[in-house]
Amino acid sequence: MKIMLKRAYEAPAAADGKRVLVDRLWPRGVSRDEARIDEWLKEVGPSNELRKWFGHEPAKFEEFRSRYRKELEGSAAWEELKALARHGKLTLVYSARDEQHNNAVVLKQMLEEQGGA
């Protein structure tokens, strides 16, 4: 299992493997052709309430991570993402500017902790 992270605004590459958009909202200014997304798992993204509360403020990231993990527990979208991670290279595509404090970072960490299982 190899999991990578990539902003939606970066050019897709053959080395990306399966590209999965993990945001509830489609990235602004990116066409579907440009993005080359294989799967869009809207429901694996944080709820609108959590996303708005977090506001991509690094100081809130640890609390965001905790709340987000709770949201994902037992969700069908989380189970689907874990299944996708078992089948080779997976790139989690996200639109946040902050490459260190976003939901894709949390998802990657969770997948690695669970071995994609």
Protein backbone atom coordinates (compact mmCIF):
# COMPACT_ATOMS: atom_id res chain seq x y z
CA MET A 1 0.00 0.00 0.00
CA LYS A 2 1.44 3.32 -1.08
CA ILE A 3 -0.51 6.45 -0.20
CA MET A 4 0.40 9.87 -1.52
CA LEU A 5 -1.10 13.32 -1.11
CA LYS A 6 -1.53 15.84 -3.88
CA ARG A 7 -3.29 19.17 -4.23
CA ALA A 8 -6.01 19.27 -6.87
CA TYR A 9 -4.13 22.16 -8.47
CA GLU A 10 -1.04 20.03 -9.17
CA ALA A 11 -0.82 18.22 -12.50
CA PRO A 12 -1.82 14.56 -12.41
CA ALA A 13 0.97 12.06 -13.09
CA ALA A 14 1.04 8.42 -14.13
CA ALA A 15 2.83 7.64 -10.84
CA ASP A 16 -0.25 8.81 -8.88
CA GLY A 17 -2.05 5.50 -9.26
CA LYS A 18 -5.74 5.78 -8.37
CA ARG A 19 -6.65 9.42 -7.70
CA VAL A 20 -9.36 9.97 -5.08
CA LEU A 21 -10.78 13.39 -4.28
CA VAL A 22 -11.39 13.49 -0.52
CA ASP A 23 -13.18 16.86 -0.24
CA ARG A 24 -16.94 17.46 -0.07
CA LEU A 25 -16.63 20.38 -2.47
CA TRP A 26 -15.14 20.26 -5.95
CA PRO A 27 -11.93 22.36 -6.13
CA ARG A 28 -12.55 25.86 -7.48
CA GLY A 29 -11.25 26.55 -10.96
CA VAL A 30 -10.32 22.94 -11.76
CA SER A 31 -12.18 21.15 -14.52
CA ARG A 32 -13.00 17.48 -14.25
CA ASP A 33 -10.78 16.78 -17.26
CA GLU A 34 -7.82 18.60 -15.70
CA ALA A 35 -8.22 16.88 -12.33
CA ARG A 36 -8.42 13.33 -13.72
CA ILE A 37 -10.12 12.06 -10.57
CA ASP A 38 -10.89 8.32 -10.52
CA GLU A 39 -13.18 8.46 -7.48
CA TRP A 40 -14.80 11.33 -5.61
CA LEU A 41 -15.60 10.26 -2.07
CA LYS A 42 -17.50 13.35 -0.91
CA GLU A 43 -18.68 11.69 2.27
CA VAL A 44 -15.14 10.96 3.46
CA GLY A 45 -14.52 14.71 3.69
CA PRO A 46 -15.21 16.52 6.96
CA SER A 47 -18.78 17.65 7.59
CA ASN A 48 -19.61 21.22 6.62
CA GLU A 49 -19.89 22.10 10.31
CA LEU A 50 -16.44 20.71 11.13
CA ARG A 51 -14.87 22.21 8.02
CA LYS A 52 -16.25 25.68 8.85
CA TRP A 53 -15.23 25.39 12.52
CA PHE A 54 -11.66 24.42 11.58
CA GLY A 55 -11.23 27.12 8.94
CA HIS A 56 -7.75 25.70 8.19
CA GLU A 57 -6.35 27.32 11.33
CA PRO A 58 -3.19 25.38 12.28
CA ALA A 59 -3.82 26.06 15.99
CA LYS A 60 -7.08 24.05 15.74
CA PHE A 61 -5.56 21.13 13.83
CA GLU A 62 -5.17 18.68 16.71
CA GLU A 63 -8.79 19.17 17.80
CA PHE A 64 -9.87 18.98 14.15
CA ARG A 65 -8.01 15.67 13.77
CA SER A 66 -9.77 14.25 16.84
CA ARG A 67 -13.25 15.39 15.76
CA TYR A 68 -12.70 14.26 12.17
CA ARG A 69 -11.62 10.77 13.25
CA LYS A 70 -14.82 10.49 15.30
CA GLU A 71 -16.91 11.55 12.28
CA LEU A 72 -15.30 8.85 10.15
CA GLU A 73 -15.73 5.96 12.60
CA GLY A 74 -17.87 3.31 10.96
CA SER A 75 -18.82 5.44 7.96
CA ALA A 76 -19.36 3.73 4.61
CA ALA A 77 -17.11 6.26 2.86
CA TRP A 78 -14.24 5.49 5.25
CA GLU A 79 -14.69 1.76 4.61
CA GLU A 80 -14.65 2.42 0.86
CA LEU A 81 -11.45 4.45 1.13
CA LYS A 82 -9.77 1.69 3.15
CA ALA A 83 -10.77 -0.82 0.46
CA LEU A 84 -9.28 1.38 -2.27
CA ALA A 85 -6.03 1.68 -0.30
CA ARG A 86 -5.58 -2.10 -0.37
CA HIS A 87 -5.22 -2.13 -4.16
CA GLY A 88 -1.90 -0.48 -5.00
CA LYS A 89 -0.95 3.17 -5.30
CA LEU A 90 -3.47 5.67 -4.04
CA THR A 91 -3.27 9.45 -4.22
CA LEU A 92 -5.56 11.42 -1.93
CA VAL A 93 -6.41 14.62 -3.77
CA TYR A 94 -7.43 17.71 -1.78
CA SER A 95 -7.81 21.43 -2.42
CA ALA A 96 -6.57 23.03 0.81
CA ARG A 97 -3.66 25.46 0.50
CA ASP A 98 -2.05 24.28 3.74
CA GLU A 99 -0.30 21.04 2.86
CA GLN A 100 0.30 20.05 6.50
CA HIS A 101 -3.02 20.85 8.16
CA ASN A 102 -5.89 19.34 6.16
CA ASN A 103 -8.21 16.35 6.07
CA ALA A 104 -6.10 14.41 3.55
CA VAL A 105 -3.18 14.42 6.01
CA VAL A 106 -5.47 12.89 8.65
CA LEU A 107 -6.81 10.29 6.21
CA LYS A 108 -3.32 9.25 5.11
CA GLN A 109 -2.22 8.86 8.72
CA MET A 110 -5.30 6.78 9.56
CA LEU A 111 -4.80 4.53 6.52
CA GLU A 112 -1.16 3.99 7.40
CA GLU A 113 -2.02 3.23 11.03
CA GLN A 114 -4.54 0.61 9.94
CA GLY A 115 -2.43 -0.80 7.14
CA GLY A 116 -5.24 0.03 4.74
CA ALA A 117 -7.31 -2.73 6.34
